[in-house]
C-alpha atoms as a PDB file:
ATOM      1  CA  MET A   1     -51.427 -17.562 -21.975  1.00  0.00           C
ATOM      2  CA  ALA A   2     -50.512 -14.458 -20.265  1.00  0.00           C
ATOM      3  CA  GLU A   3     -51.774 -15.825 -17.037  1.00  0.00           C
ATOM      4  CA  LEU A   4     -49.490 -18.886 -17.346  1.00  0.00           C
ATOM      5  CA  ASP A   5     -46.386 -16.622 -17.937  1.00  0.00           C
ATOM      6  CA  LEU A   6     -47.209 -14.576 -14.843  1.00  0.00           C
ATOM      7  CA  LEU A   7     -47.604 -17.710 -12.868  1.00  0.00           C
ATOM      8  CA  GLY A   8     -44.332 -19.135 -14.084  1.00  0.00           C
ATOM      9  CA  SER A   9     -42.411 -15.968 -13.263  1.00  0.00           C
ATOM     10  CA  ILE A  10     -43.863 -16.067  -9.755  1.00  0.00           C
ATOM     11  CA  LEU A  11     -42.885 -19.578  -9.192  1.00  0.00           C
ATOM     12  CA  SER A  12     -39.294 -18.894 -10.424  1.00  0.00           C
ATOM     13  CA  SER A  13     -38.932 -15.970  -8.183  1.00  0.00           C
ATOM     14  CA  MET A  14     -39.901 -18.036  -5.139  1.00  0.00           C
ATOM     15  CA  GLU A  15     -37.185 -19.427  -2.879  1.00  0.00           C
ATOM     16  CA  ARG A  16     -36.059 -22.978  -3.532  1.00  0.00           C
ATOM     17  CA  PRO A  17     -37.203 -25.739  -1.317  1.00  0.00           C
ATOM     18  CA  PRO A  18     -35.131 -26.083   1.922  1.00  0.00           C
ATOM     19  CA  ALA A  19     -33.554 -29.330   0.813  1.00  0.00           C
ATOM     20  CA  ALA A  20     -32.196 -27.847  -2.370  1.00  0.00           C
ATOM     21  CA  ALA A  21     -30.897 -24.733  -0.445  1.00  0.00           C
ATOM     22  CA  ASP A  22     -29.094 -26.953   2.068  1.00  0.00           C
ATOM     23  CA  ALA A  23     -27.399 -28.951  -0.710  1.00  0.00           C
ATOM     24  CA  GLU A  24     -26.211 -25.773  -2.427  1.00  0.00           C
ATOM     25  CA  THR A  25     -24.823 -24.428   0.855  1.00  0.00           C
ATOM     26  CA  ARG A  26     -22.980 -27.597   1.718  1.00  0.00           C
ATOM     27  CA  ARG A  27     -21.545 -27.717  -1.888  1.00  0.00           C
ATOM     28  CA  ARG A  28     -20.158 -24.206  -1.429  1.00  0.00           C
ATOM     29  CA  ALA A  29     -18.777 -24.949   2.022  1.00  0.00           C
ATOM     30  CA  ARG A  30     -16.894 -27.983   0.564  1.00  0.00           C
ATOM     31  CA  GLU A  31     -15.466 -25.958  -2.267  1.00  0.00           C
ATOM     32  CA  GLU A  32     -14.256 -23.241   0.225  1.00  0.00           C
ATOM     33  CA  ALA A  33     -12.720 -25.757   2.550  1.00  0.00           C
ATOM     34  CA  ALA A  34     -10.949 -27.505  -0.451  1.00  0.00           C
ATOM     35  CA  ARG A  35      -9.596 -24.088  -1.495  1.00  0.00           C
ATOM     36  CA  VAL A  36      -8.351 -23.146   1.963  1.00  0.00           C
ATOM     37  CA  LYS A  37      -6.703 -26.641   2.233  1.00  0.00           C
ATOM     38  CA  ARG A  38      -4.930 -26.081  -1.103  1.00  0.00           C
ATOM     39  CA  LEU A  39      -3.650 -22.629   0.082  1.00  0.00           C
ATOM     40  CA  GLN A  40      -2.395 -24.074   3.309  1.00  0.00           C
ATOM     41  CA  GLU A  41      -0.507 -26.902   1.600  1.00  0.00           C
ATOM     42  CA  GLN A  42       0.934 -24.353  -0.864  1.00  0.00           C
ATOM     43  CA  ASP A  43       2.110 -22.094   2.044  1.00  0.00           C
ATOM     44  CA  LYS A  44       3.539 -25.078   3.811  1.00  0.00           C
ATOM     45  CA  ARG A  45       5.510 -26.236   0.714  1.00  0.00           C
ATOM     46  CA  GLN A  46       6.832 -22.678   0.192  1.00  0.00           C
ATOM     47  CA  LYS A  47       7.920 -22.495   3.897  1.00  0.00           C
ATOM     48  CA  VAL A  48       9.683 -25.992   3.492  1.00  0.00           C
ATOM     49  CA  GLU A  49      11.525 -24.776   0.401  1.00  0.00           C
ATOM     50  CA  PHE A  50      12.468 -21.387   1.904  1.00  0.00           C
ATOM     51  CA  ARG A  51      13.900 -23.112   4.970  1.00  0.00           C
ATOM     52  CA  LYS A  52      16.024 -25.451   2.779  1.00  0.00           C
ATOM     53  CA  ARG A  53      17.360 -22.525   0.780  1.00  0.00           C
ATOM     54  CA  MET A  54      18.249 -20.739   4.006  1.00  0.00           C
ATOM     55  CA  GLU A  55      19.913 -23.828   5.431  1.00  0.00           C
ATOM     56  CA  GLN A  56      21.997 -23.984   2.229  1.00  0.00           C
ATOM     57  CA  GLU A  57      23.023 -20.442   2.467  1.00  0.00           C
ATOM     58  CA  VAL A  58      23.768 -20.617   6.199  1.00  0.00           C
ATOM     59  CA  SER A  59      25.940 -23.721   5.483  1.00  0.00           C
ATOM     60  CA  GLU A  60      27.927 -21.804   2.715  1.00  0.00           C
ATOM     61  CA  PHE A  61      28.325 -18.874   5.146  1.00  0.00           C
ATOM     62  CA  ILE A  62      29.832 -21.178   7.861  1.00  0.00           C
ATOM     63  CA  GLN A  63      32.242 -22.738   5.405  1.00  0.00           C
ATOM     64  CA  ALA A  64      33.363 -19.380   3.900  1.00  0.00           C
ATOM     65  CA  THR A  65      36.577 -18.012   5.311  1.00  0.00           C
ATOM     66  CA  GLY A  66      37.180 -14.358   5.909  1.00  0.00           C
ATOM     67  CA  GLU A  67      33.443 -13.661   6.173  1.00  0.00           C
ATOM     68  CA  PRO A  68      32.482 -12.891   9.807  1.00  0.00           C
ATOM     69  CA  ARG A  69      29.052 -11.741   9.038  1.00  0.00           C
ATOM     70  CA  ARG A  70      26.556 -12.008   6.212  1.00  0.00           C
ATOM     71  CA  ARG A  71      23.711  -9.663   5.473  1.00  0.00           C
ATOM     72  CA  PHE A  72      20.487 -11.291   3.873  1.00  0.00           C
ATOM     73  CA  GLU A  73      18.026  -9.459   1.590  1.00  0.00           C
ATOM     74  CA  PRO A  74      14.908  -7.849   3.160  1.00  0.00           C
ATOM     75  CA  MET A  75      12.205 -10.370   3.926  1.00  0.00           C
ATOM     76  CA  ASN A  76       8.831 -10.621   5.648  1.00  0.00           C
ATOM     77  CA  LYS A  77       8.205 -11.600   9.388  1.00  0.00           C
ATOM     78  CA  ILE A  78       7.649 -15.318   8.772  1.00  0.00           C
ATOM     79  CA  GLU A  79      10.764 -15.624   6.653  1.00  0.00           C
ATOM     80  CA  ARG A  80      12.890 -13.766   9.071  1.00  0.00           C
ATOM     81  CA  SER A  81      11.547 -16.106  11.865  1.00  0.00           C
ATOM     82  CA  ILE A  82      12.623 -19.089   9.829  1.00  0.00           C
ATOM     83  CA  LEU A  83      16.133 -17.601   9.166  1.00  0.00           C
ATOM     84  CA  HIS A  84      16.527 -16.867  12.902  1.00  0.00           C
ATOM     85  CA  ASP A  85      15.726 -20.486  13.693  1.00  0.00           C
ATOM     86  CA  VAL A  86      18.093 -21.880  11.157  1.00  0.00           C
ATOM     87  CA  ALA A  87      20.890 -19.700  12.480  1.00  0.00           C
ATOM     88  CA  GLU A  88      20.266 -20.694  16.002  1.00  0.00           C
ATOM     89  CA  VAL A  89      20.344 -24.494  15.092  1.00  0.00           C
ATOM     90  CA  ALA A  90      23.588 -23.879  13.237  1.00  0.00           C
ATOM     91  CA  GLY A  91      25.030 -22.215  16.380  1.00  0.00           C
ATOM     92  CA  LEU A  92      25.195 -18.679  14.912  1.00  0.00           C
ATOM     93  CA  THR A  93      24.071 -15.187  16.200  1.00  0.00           C
ATOM     94  CA  SER A  94      21.468 -13.322  14.188  1.00  0.00           C
ATOM     95  CA  PHE A  95      19.859  -9.920  14.437  1.00  0.00           C
ATOM     96  CA  SER A  96      17.128  -8.076  12.554  1.00  0.00           C
ATOM     97  CA  PHE A  97      17.645  -4.406  11.481  1.00  0.00           C
ATOM     98  CA  GLY A  98      15.382  -1.910   9.658  1.00  0.00           C
ATOM     99  CA  ASP A  99      12.706   0.607  10.580  1.00  0.00           C
ATOM    100  CA  ASP A 100       9.728  -0.869   8.619  1.00  0.00           C
ATOM    101  CA  ASP A 101       8.748  -4.391   7.830  1.00  0.00           C
ATOM    102  CA  ASP A 102       9.347  -3.951   4.050  1.00  0.00           C
ATOM    103  CA  SER A 103      12.923  -3.038   4.537  1.00  0.00           C
ATOM    104  CA  ARG A 104      13.812  -5.148   7.571  1.00  0.00           C
ATOM    105  CA  TYR A 105      16.679  -7.641   6.942  1.00  0.00           C
ATOM    106  CA  VAL A 106      18.625 -10.246   8.909  1.00  0.00           C
ATOM    107  CA  MET A 107      22.313 -10.256   9.787  1.00  0.00           C
ATOM    108  CA  VAL A 108      24.116 -13.511  10.734  1.00  0.00           C
ATOM    109  CA  PHE A 109      27.310 -13.555  12.680  1.00  0.00           C
ATOM    110  CA  LYS A 110      29.809 -16.310  13.590  1.00  0.00           C
ATOM    111  CA  LYS A 111      30.265 -16.931  17.210  1.00  0.00           C
ATOM    112  CA  GLU A 112      33.802 -15.934  17.169  1.00  0.00           C
ATOM    113  CA  PHE A 113      32.896 -12.634  15.606  1.00  0.00           C
ATOM    114  CA  ALA A 114      29.933 -11.708  17.802  1.00  0.00           C
ATOM    115  CA  PRO A 115      29.032  -8.072  17.322  1.00  0.00           C
ATOM    116  CA  SER A 116      29.802  -5.394  19.980  1.00  0.00           C
ATOM    117  CA  ASP A 117      27.150  -3.049  21.336  1.00  0.00           C
ATOM    118  CA  ALA A 118      28.828  -0.144  19.210  1.00  0.00           C
ATOM    119  CA  GLU A 119      28.496  -2.332  16.070  1.00  0.00           C
ATOM    120  CA  LEU A 120      24.851  -3.105  16.752  1.00  0.00           C
ATOM    121  CA  ASP A 121      24.115   0.493  17.405  1.00  0.00           C
ATOM    122  CA  ALA A 122      25.577   1.443  14.148  1.00  0.00           C
ATOM    123  CA  TYR A 123      23.456  -1.008  12.223  1.00  0.00           C
ATOM    124  CA  ARG A 124      20.370   0.140  14.045  1.00  0.00           C
ATOM    125  CA  ARG A 125      21.089   3.719  13.000  1.00  0.00           C
ATOM    126  CA  GLY A 126      21.535   2.478   9.284  1.00  0.00           C
ATOM    127  CA  GLU A 127      25.209   3.218   9.209  1.00  0.00           C
ATOM    128  CA  HIS A 128      28.117   1.245   7.816  1.00  0.00           C
ATOM    129  CA  TRP A 129      30.334  -0.506  10.376  1.00  0.00           C
ATOM    130  CA  ASP A 130      34.059   0.187  10.029  1.00  0.00           C
ATOM    131  CA  PRO A 131      36.145  -1.953  12.362  1.00  0.00           C
ATOM    132  CA  ALA A 132      39.305   0.010  11.698  1.00  0.00           C
ATOM    133  CA  ALA A 133      37.599   3.383  12.446  1.00  0.00           C
ATOM    134  CA  ALA A 134      35.893   1.907  15.517  1.00  0.00           C
ATOM    135  CA  GLU A 135      39.161   0.576  16.945  1.00  0.00           C
ATOM    136  CA  GLN A 136      40.890   3.983  16.405  1.00  0.00           C
ATOM    137  CA  ARG A 137      37.975   5.749  18.259  1.00  0.00           C
ATOM    138  CA  ARG A 138      38.337   3.075  21.082  1.00  0.00           C
ATOM    139  CA  ARG A 139      42.092   3.839  21.500  1.00  0.00           C
ATOM    140  CA  LEU A 140      41.538   7.591  21.529  1.00  0.00           C
ATOM    141  CA  ARG A 141      38.773   7.269  24.091  1.00  0.00           C
ATOM    142  CA  GLU A 142      41.073   5.107  26.403  1.00  0.00           C
ATOM    143  CA  GLU A 143      43.881   7.507  26.061  1.00  0.00           C
ATOM    144  CA  GLU A 144      41.605  10.428  27.006  1.00  0.00           C
ATOM    145  CA  GLU A 145      40.213   8.522  30.015  1.00  0.00           C
ATOM    146  CA  ALA A 146      43.806   7.597  31.039  1.00  0.00           C
ATOM    147  CA  ALA A 147      44.893  11.149  30.845  1.00  0.00           C
ATOM    148  CA  ALA A 148      41.837  12.361  32.877  1.00  0.00           C
ATOM    149  CA  ARG A 149      42.706   9.843  35.558  1.00  0.00           C
ATOM    150  CA  ALA A 150      46.434  10.871  35.690  1.00  0.00           C
ATOM    151  CA  GLU A 151      45.454  14.577  35.962  1.00  0.00           C
ATOM    152  CA  ALA A 152      42.999  13.868  38.721  1.00  0.00           C
ATOM    153  CA  GLU A 153      45.589  11.782  40.583  1.00  0.00           C
ATOM    154  CA  ALA A 154      48.137  14.564  40.206  1.00  0.00           C
ATOM    155  CA  ALA A 155      45.694  17.204  41.544  1.00  0.00           C
ATOM    156  CA  ALA A 156      44.907  15.042  44.385  1.00  0.00           C
ATOM    157  CA  GLU A 157      48.587  14.597  45.317  1.00  0.00           C
ATOM    158  CA  ALA A 158      49.613  18.162  44.678  1.00  0.00           C
ATOM    159  CA  PRO A 159      50.052  20.498  47.807  1.00  0.00           C
ATOM    160  CA  SER A 160      47.394  22.911  48.566  1.00  0.00           C
ATOM    161  CA  GLY A 161      47.681  26.419  46.965  1.00  0.00           C
ATOM    162  CA  PRO A 162      46.897  27.994  43.768  1.00  0.00           C
ATOM    163  CA  ALA A 163      46.042  25.488  41.162  1.00  0.00           C
ATOM    164  CA  PRO A 164      48.409  25.279  38.165  1.00  0.00           C
ATOM    165  CA  PRO A 165      47.054  26.507  34.896  1.00  0.00           C
ATOM    166  CA  SER A 166      45.196  23.911  33.053  1.00  0.00           C
ATOM    167  CA  PRO A 167      45.944  22.933  29.389  1.00  0.00           C
ATOM    168  CA  TYR A 168      42.740  24.691  28.502  1.00  0.00           C
ATOM    169  CA  ARG A 169      44.025  28.139  29.897  1.00  0.00           C
ATOM    170  CA  ASP A 170      47.368  27.539  28.203  1.00  0.00           C
ATOM    171  CA  LYS A 171      45.658  26.868  24.915  1.00  0.00           C
ATOM    172  CA  TYR A 172      43.513  29.894  24.957  1.00  0.00           C
ATOM    173  CA  ARG A 173      45.918  32.350  26.750  1.00  0.00           C
ATOM    174  CA  HIS A 174      46.060  34.536  23.715  1.00  0.00           C
ATOM    175  CA  LEU A 175      42.292  35.068  24.032  1.00  0.00           C
ATOM    176  CA  ILE A 176      41.825  35.484  27.812  1.00  0.00           C
ATOM    177  CA  GLY A 177      45.079  37.428  28.314  1.00  0.00           C
ATOM    178  CA  CYS A 178      47.536  37.104  31.214  1.00  0.00           C
ATOM    179  CA  GLU A 179      50.096  39.829  32.131  1.00  0.00           C
ATOM    180  CA  ALA A 180      48.634  42.164  29.546  1.00  0.00           C
ATOM    181  CA  ALA A 181      45.211  42.188  31.275  1.00  0.00           C
ATOM    182  CA  LYS A 182      46.946  42.976  34.643  1.00  0.00           C
ATOM    183  CA  ALA A 183      49.021  45.744  33.206  1.00  0.00           C
ATOM    184  CA  ALA A 184      45.806  47.287  31.649  1.00  0.00           C
ATOM    185  CA  ALA A 185      44.109  47.121  34.995  1.00  0.00           C
ATOM    186  CA  ARG A 186      46.988  48.935  36.728  1.00  0.00           C
ATOM    187  CA  THR A 187      47.025  51.779  34.132  1.00  0.00           C
ATOM    188  CA  MET A 188      43.229  52.122  33.816  1.00  0.00           C
ATOM    189  CA  GLN A 189      41.893  55.639  33.969  1.00  0.00           C
ATOM    190  CA  ALA A 190      38.708  56.739  35.622  1.00  0.00           C
ATOM    191  CA  ASN A 191      35.840  57.422  33.106  1.00  0.00           C
ATOM    192  CA  LYS A 192      34.338  60.764  34.239  1.00  0.00           C
ATOM    193  CA  ALA A 193      31.324  60.335  32.083  1.00  0.00           C
ATOM    194  CA  TYR A 194      30.205  57.542  34.468  1.00  0.00           C
ATOM    195  CA  GLY A 195      31.206  59.417  37.624  1.00  0.00           C
ATOM    196  CA  CYS A 196      34.208  57.276  38.355  1.00  0.00           C
ATOM    197  CA  VAL A 197      36.878  59.325  40.224  1.00  0.00           C
ATOM    198  CA  PRO A 198      40.206  57.847  41.237  1.00  0.00           C
ATOM    199  CA  VAL A 199      40.842  57.516  45.024  1.00  0.00           C
ATOM    200  CA  ALA A 200      43.641  59.974  44.879  1.00  0.00           C
ATOM    201  CA  HIS A 201      41.287  62.703  43.512  1.00  0.00           C
ATOM    202  CA  LYS A 202      38.847  62.047  46.285  1.00  0.00           C
ATOM    203  CA  ARG A 203      41.331  62.751  49.057  1.00  0.00           C
ATOM    204  CA  ASP A 204      40.444  66.236  50.748  1.00  0.00           C
ATOM    205  CA  THR A 205      43.536  68.089  52.003  1.00  0.00           C
ATOM    206  CA  ARG A 206      41.566  70.698  53.966  1.00  0.00           C
ATOM    207  CA  SER A 207      41.156  70.507  57.751  1.00  0.00           C
ATOM    208  CA  ILE A 208      37.869  70.028  59.283  1.00  0.00           C
ATOM    209  CA  GLU A 209      37.702  73.657  60.418  1.00  0.00           C
ATOM    210  CA  GLU A 210      38.334  75.012  56.993  1.00  0.00           C
ATOM    211  CA  ALA A 211      35.688  72.780  55.466  1.00  0.00           C
ATOM    212  CA  MET A 212      33.131  73.887  58.028  1.00  0.00           C
ATOM    213  CA  ASN A 213      33.883  77.487  57.503  1.00  0.00           C
ATOM    214  CA  GLU A 214      33.477  77.112  53.735  1.00  0.00           C
ATOM    215  CA  ILE A 215      30.167  75.356  54.228  1.00  0.00           C
ATOM    216  CA  ARG A 216      28.763  78.263  56.593  1.00  0.00           C
ATOM    217  CA  ALA A 217      29.974  80.845  54.009  1.00  0.00           C
ATOM    218  CA  LYS A 218      28.026  79.174  51.189  1.00  0.00           C
ATOM    219  CA  LYS A 219      24.975  78.948  53.335  1.00  0.00           C
ATOM    220  CA  ARG A 220      24.988  82.638  54.322  1.00  0.00           C
ATOM    221  CA  LEU A 221      25.222  83.512  50.569  1.00  0.00           C
ATOM    222  CA  ARG A 222      22.179  81.479  49.762  1.00  0.00           C
ATOM    223  CA  GLN A 223      20.262  83.158  52.668  1.00  0.00           C
ATOM    224  CA  GLU A 224      21.247  86.636  51.558  1.00  0.00           C
ATOM    225  CA  GLY A 225      20.297  85.966  48.008  1.00  0.00           C
ATOM    226  CA  ALA A 226      16.923  84.620  49.139  1.00  0.00           C
ATOM    227  CA  GLU A 227      16.151  87.740  51.253  1.00  0.00           C
ATOM    228  CA  GLY A 228      17.365  90.301  48.718  1.00  0.00           C
ATOM    229  CA  GLY A 229      15.128  88.933  45.884  1.00  0.00           C
ATOM    230  CA  PRO A 230      12.137  90.674  44.445  1.00  0.00           C
ATOM    231  CA  SER A 231       9.004  90.812  46.682  1.00  0.00           C
ATOM    232  CA  ALA A 232       5.789  89.234  45.497  1.00  0.00           C
END
């Protein structure tokens, strides 16, 4: 009896015949193919439904008055691609913004309100776009450029000579000084600690002969002192 049990366990552990193994493999392959087909059909239905929803939202956006642009919620790459295609078919302009794929979103613009480079740069930096503030900055920039051109033209047409003081110097005259600095330079006293002596003090009123006699006298005194010193 024990021998029969051992033989049965050996036979059960042996591989199935090739025909049975092939049939099992084919069955699993058919099941996997059916599963993949179901997933593909489900994904296709989801894309069709998403496109219909985006077409509806884009149509509402086109009909809305006073709405030059619309920002959509973050979506994945495939959904963004579908929305870009819907916007292009509708004659709109669309851009994607965001640093990573999870937070990336799409903005759709009407053709008559196409964004400027400054507006796109603001969205890329994650900033809020304020048209009124942007218009004010643009006017200030144009005024500064016009003032710079006028100043350059005036400098080119002016006669040669000392250049007139610039607005920068006028603005900071209290810091860099003007007449006060000149007066201070005229009344400056020599600092003897650094060996600076005014030119008037350097002038020698003696004649050449008097100066030479004084030098010879000092030389003789040094020699006499050296000769009269203690002997070694």
